Amino acid sequence: MHLASRRLYGILDLSLVAALDAPRVLEQMLAGGVDLVQLRAKGTPLEAIAALAGPLQCLCTAAGVPFLLNDHPHLAAELGLDGVHVGQDDLSVAETRRLLGPGRLIGKSTASFAEAVAAAAETPDYLGFGPLFATPTKSEAEPIGLAEIRRVQAAVPMPVYCIGGIKRENLATVLAAGARHVVIISGILQAPDIAAYCREVKALLQAAE
């Protein structure tokens, strides 16, 4: 699945959105033009994730948007989801792909140039790179700043999704540092009008092409 043109990645984080509200929030994200969606449900029982992920996948399929699960590749395979995102401490990309089967998307988190180069050698479909700034969804992580964005993108062959504290208000700065693909979490989920917020972000991304 070609990701180069899918530049706005939204994450449905259940630490910020109640599970019951997730379908409604996702509908607004999709209406606003989000290009890629991940469900992040840290600490949620697998049964609850399964009950939620199936309907969310259906909404994304109808909109032509890939839907990924944070970790749990065995569950993603059972549910027929579009893919998963794994962290540095999770399964390798090879093992994740073995569990998922062919034709599914796999992303991997990285937090430095060295991690990005090493992760790229595992041939995921994309890399996450961050957190660029301090972020409430990963309060324990040290921000890495903007300096390495261009260097990482030049060194790896797959899309690099910059993540961590990115919002509409600082997006121009992130794009000026070389970012071409971004993940926005709290900015989207806490917006008074989620669809309008996503449209504004997409316009900024398109203007930077």
Protein backbone atom coordinates (compact mmCIF):
# COMPACT_ATOMS: atom_id res chain seq x y z
CA MET A 1 0.00 0.00 0.00
CA HIS A 2 1.56 3.30 -1.11
CA LEU A 3 1.93 5.71 1.83
CA ALA A 4 3.92 8.58 0.34
CA SER A 5 0.78 10.63 -0.37
CA ARG A 6 -0.80 9.77 3.00
CA ARG A 7 0.65 12.64 4.98
CA LEU A 8 -1.72 13.15 7.95
CA TYR A 9 -1.74 10.30 10.46
CA GLY A 10 -4.28 10.45 13.26
CA ILE A 11 -4.21 8.34 16.40
CA LEU A 12 -7.32 7.42 18.35
CA ASP A 13 -5.76 7.27 21.80
CA LEU A 14 -8.08 5.85 24.45
CA SER A 15 -6.24 7.84 27.10
CA LEU A 16 -7.81 10.93 25.50
CA VAL A 17 -11.04 9.53 24.01
CA ALA A 18 -13.56 7.27 25.72
CA ALA A 19 -14.05 3.98 23.89
CA LEU A 20 -17.76 4.70 23.48
CA ASP A 21 -16.91 7.98 21.72
CA ALA A 22 -14.25 6.48 19.44
CA PRO A 23 -16.53 5.72 16.45
CA ARG A 24 -17.98 9.24 16.48
CA VAL A 25 -14.53 10.80 16.77
CA LEU A 26 -13.20 8.59 13.97
CA GLU A 27 -16.06 9.62 11.69
CA GLN A 28 -15.09 13.27 12.20
CA MET A 29 -11.41 12.50 11.58
CA LEU A 30 -12.27 10.75 8.33
CA ALA A 31 -14.59 13.58 7.28
CA GLY A 32 -11.66 15.94 7.78
CA GLY A 33 -9.41 13.94 5.49
CA VAL A 34 -7.11 12.01 7.83
CA ASP A 35 -5.00 9.69 5.64
CA LEU A 36 -4.05 6.98 8.13
CA VAL A 37 -5.54 5.98 11.51
CA GLN A 38 -4.16 4.06 14.47
CA LEU A 39 -5.99 2.81 17.53
CA ARG A 40 -3.81 3.14 20.64
CA ALA A 41 -5.38 1.38 23.61
CA LYS A 42 -2.63 0.94 26.20
CA GLY A 43 -3.81 -1.05 29.20
CA THR A 44 -7.13 -1.98 27.61
CA PRO A 45 -8.12 -5.68 27.77
CA LEU A 46 -7.78 -7.50 24.45
CA GLU A 47 -11.47 -8.38 24.44
CA ALA A 48 -12.39 -4.70 24.63
CA ILE A 49 -9.89 -3.79 21.92
CA ALA A 50 -11.32 -6.49 19.66
CA ALA A 51 -14.88 -5.28 20.20
CA LEU A 52 -13.89 -1.74 19.28
CA ALA A 53 -11.38 -2.35 16.48
CA GLY A 54 -13.73 -4.28 14.18
CA PRO A 55 -16.28 -1.46 13.76
CA LEU A 56 -13.50 1.14 13.47
CA GLN A 57 -11.88 -0.89 10.68
CA CYS A 58 -15.22 -0.92 8.85
CA LEU A 59 -15.47 2.88 9.04
CA CYS A 60 -11.94 3.26 7.70
CA THR A 61 -12.48 0.72 4.93
CA ALA A 62 -15.56 2.61 3.77
CA ALA A 63 -13.49 5.80 3.64
CA GLY A 64 -10.52 4.14 1.91
CA VAL A 65 -8.22 4.89 4.85
CA PRO A 66 -5.85 2.28 6.35
CA PHE A 67 -6.56 1.35 9.98
CA LEU A 68 -3.77 0.10 12.24
CA LEU A 69 -3.61 -1.20 15.77
CA ASN A 70 -0.89 -0.24 18.19
CA ASP A 71 0.86 -3.56 18.86
CA HIS A 72 -1.07 -6.89 19.19
CA PRO A 73 -0.32 -8.26 15.69
CA HIS A 74 -1.99 -11.58 16.56
CA LEU A 75 -5.25 -9.74 17.29
CA ALA A 76 -4.91 -7.58 14.17
CA ALA A 77 -4.51 -10.75 12.11
CA GLU A 78 -7.59 -12.35 13.68
CA LEU A 79 -9.68 -9.25 13.01
CA GLY A 80 -8.35 -8.65 9.50
CA LEU A 81 -7.09 -5.17 10.29
CA ASP A 82 -4.95 -3.25 7.81
CA GLY A 83 -1.84 -3.37 9.96
CA VAL A 84 -0.08 -2.62 13.24
CA HIS A 85 2.43 -0.22 14.72
CA VAL A 86 5.19 -1.60 16.93
CA GLY A 87 7.62 0.05 19.32
CA GLN A 88 11.30 -0.49 20.03
CA ASP A 89 10.49 -2.98 22.77
CA ASP A 90 7.85 -4.91 20.82
CA LEU A 91 8.24 -7.78 18.36
CA SER A 92 10.57 -7.37 15.40
CA VAL A 93 9.13 -6.32 12.07
CA ALA A 94 9.88 -9.78 10.67
CA GLU A 95 8.02 -11.55 13.47
CA THR A 96 5.18 -9.06 13.26
CA ARG A 97 4.88 -9.66 9.52
CA ARG A 98 4.86 -13.41 10.09
CA LEU A 99 1.94 -13.06 12.49
CA LEU A 100 0.05 -10.57 10.32
CA GLY A 101 0.45 -12.28 6.99
CA PRO A 102 1.17 -10.60 3.64
CA GLY A 103 -0.25 -7.33 2.44
CA ARG A 104 -0.56 -5.64 5.86
CA LEU A 105 1.07 -2.40 6.95
CA ILE A 106 3.71 -2.29 9.67
CA GLY A 107 5.12 0.84 11.24
CA LYS A 108 7.91 1.10 13.80
CA SER A 109 8.68 3.79 16.36
CA THR A 110 12.11 5.42 16.47
CA ALA A 111 13.55 8.18 18.65
CA SER A 112 16.98 8.85 17.12
CA PHE A 113 18.87 8.72 13.85
CA ALA A 114 20.53 5.44 14.88
CA GLU A 115 17.21 3.85 15.77
CA ALA A 116 15.69 5.01 12.49
CA VAL A 117 18.50 3.52 10.40
CA ALA A 118 18.35 0.24 12.33
CA ALA A 119 14.56 0.08 12.07
CA ALA A 120 14.67 0.81 8.33
CA ALA A 121 16.86 -2.27 7.88
CA GLU A 122 13.90 -4.32 9.16
CA THR A 123 11.88 -2.95 6.19
CA PRO A 124 8.71 -1.72 7.85
CA ASP A 125 6.30 0.22 5.66
CA TYR A 126 6.95 3.46 7.53
CA LEU A 127 8.79 4.85 10.55
CA GLY A 128 7.51 6.97 13.39
CA PHE A 129 10.11 9.54 14.48
CA GLY A 130 9.80 11.37 17.77
CA PRO A 131 8.66 12.72 20.10
CA LEU A 132 9.75 16.00 18.55
CA PHE A 133 8.23 18.00 21.41
CA ALA A 134 6.95 17.23 24.89
CA THR A 135 3.62 15.42 24.65
CA PRO A 136 1.01 14.33 27.19
CA THR A 137 0.55 10.95 25.49
CA LYS A 138 4.19 10.02 26.18
CA SER A 139 5.12 12.21 29.13
CA GLU A 140 8.10 10.01 30.05
CA ALA A 141 9.81 10.43 26.67
CA GLU A 142 12.55 13.04 26.17
CA PRO A 143 11.79 15.37 23.23
CA ILE A 144 14.29 14.98 20.40
CA GLY A 145 13.68 18.25 18.56
CA LEU A 146 13.70 19.02 14.85
CA ALA A 147 17.39 18.88 13.90
CA GLU A 148 17.52 15.30 12.60
CA ILE A 149 14.36 15.21 10.47
CA ARG A 150 16.03 15.84 7.11
CA ARG A 151 18.95 13.53 7.91
CA VAL A 152 16.64 10.66 8.80
CA GLN A 153 14.51 11.12 5.70
CA ALA A 154 17.59 11.13 3.50
CA ALA A 155 18.88 7.92 5.09
CA VAL A 156 15.80 5.71 4.89
CA PRO A 157 13.65 4.64 1.91
CA MET A 158 10.22 4.66 3.59
CA PRO A 159 7.95 7.50 4.76
CA VAL A 160 8.94 9.03 8.11
CA TYR A 161 5.99 10.16 10.22
CA CYS A 162 7.11 12.82 12.68
CA ILE A 163 5.27 12.56 15.98
CA GLY A 164 5.12 14.08 19.43
CA GLY A 165 3.55 17.40 20.39
CA ILE A 166 2.76 18.38 16.79
CA LYS A 167 -0.30 20.59 16.45
CA ARG A 168 -1.74 22.93 13.85
CA GLU A 169 -0.12 25.85 15.68
CA ASN A 170 3.46 24.54 15.33
CA LEU A 171 3.02 22.57 12.10
CA ALA A 172 4.63 25.26 9.94
CA THR A 173 7.79 25.03 12.04
CA VAL A 174 7.83 21.23 11.74
CA LEU A 175 7.36 21.41 7.98
CA ALA A 176 10.08 24.04 7.67
CA ALA A 177 12.43 21.58 9.40
CA GLY A 178 11.80 19.12 6.58
CA ALA A 179 8.90 16.98 7.78
CA ARG A 180 6.55 15.71 5.09
CA HIS A 181 4.45 13.24 7.06
CA VAL A 182 3.08 14.00 10.52
CA VAL A 183 1.15 12.37 13.33
CA ILE A 184 -1.22 14.55 15.34
CA ILE A 185 -2.97 13.18 18.42
CA SER A 186 -4.20 15.56 21.12
CA GLY A 187 -4.54 18.47 18.71
CA ILE A 188 -7.08 16.49 16.69
CA LEU A 189 -8.81 14.67 19.54
CA GLN A 190 -9.29 17.79 21.66
CA ALA A 191 -10.36 20.13 18.84
CA PRO A 192 -13.85 21.65 19.18
CA ASP A 193 -14.47 20.78 15.51
CA ILE A 194 -12.33 17.75 14.64
CA ALA A 195 -13.21 17.65 10.95
CA ALA A 196 -12.45 21.35 10.47
CA TYR A 197 -9.16 20.99 12.35
CA CYS A 198 -8.09 18.11 10.11
CA ARG A 199 -9.00 20.05 6.99
CA GLU A 200 -6.89 23.00 8.14
CA VAL A 201 -3.93 20.70 8.80
CA LYS A 202 -4.32 19.02 5.41
CA ALA A 203 -4.31 22.45 3.74
CA LEU A 204 -1.05 23.34 5.48
CA LEU A 205 0.48 20.01 4.43
CA GLN A 206 -0.59 20.47 0.82
CA ALA A 207 0.73 24.03 0.73
CA ALA A 208 4.14 22.73 1.83
CA GLU A 209 4.43 20.20 -1.02
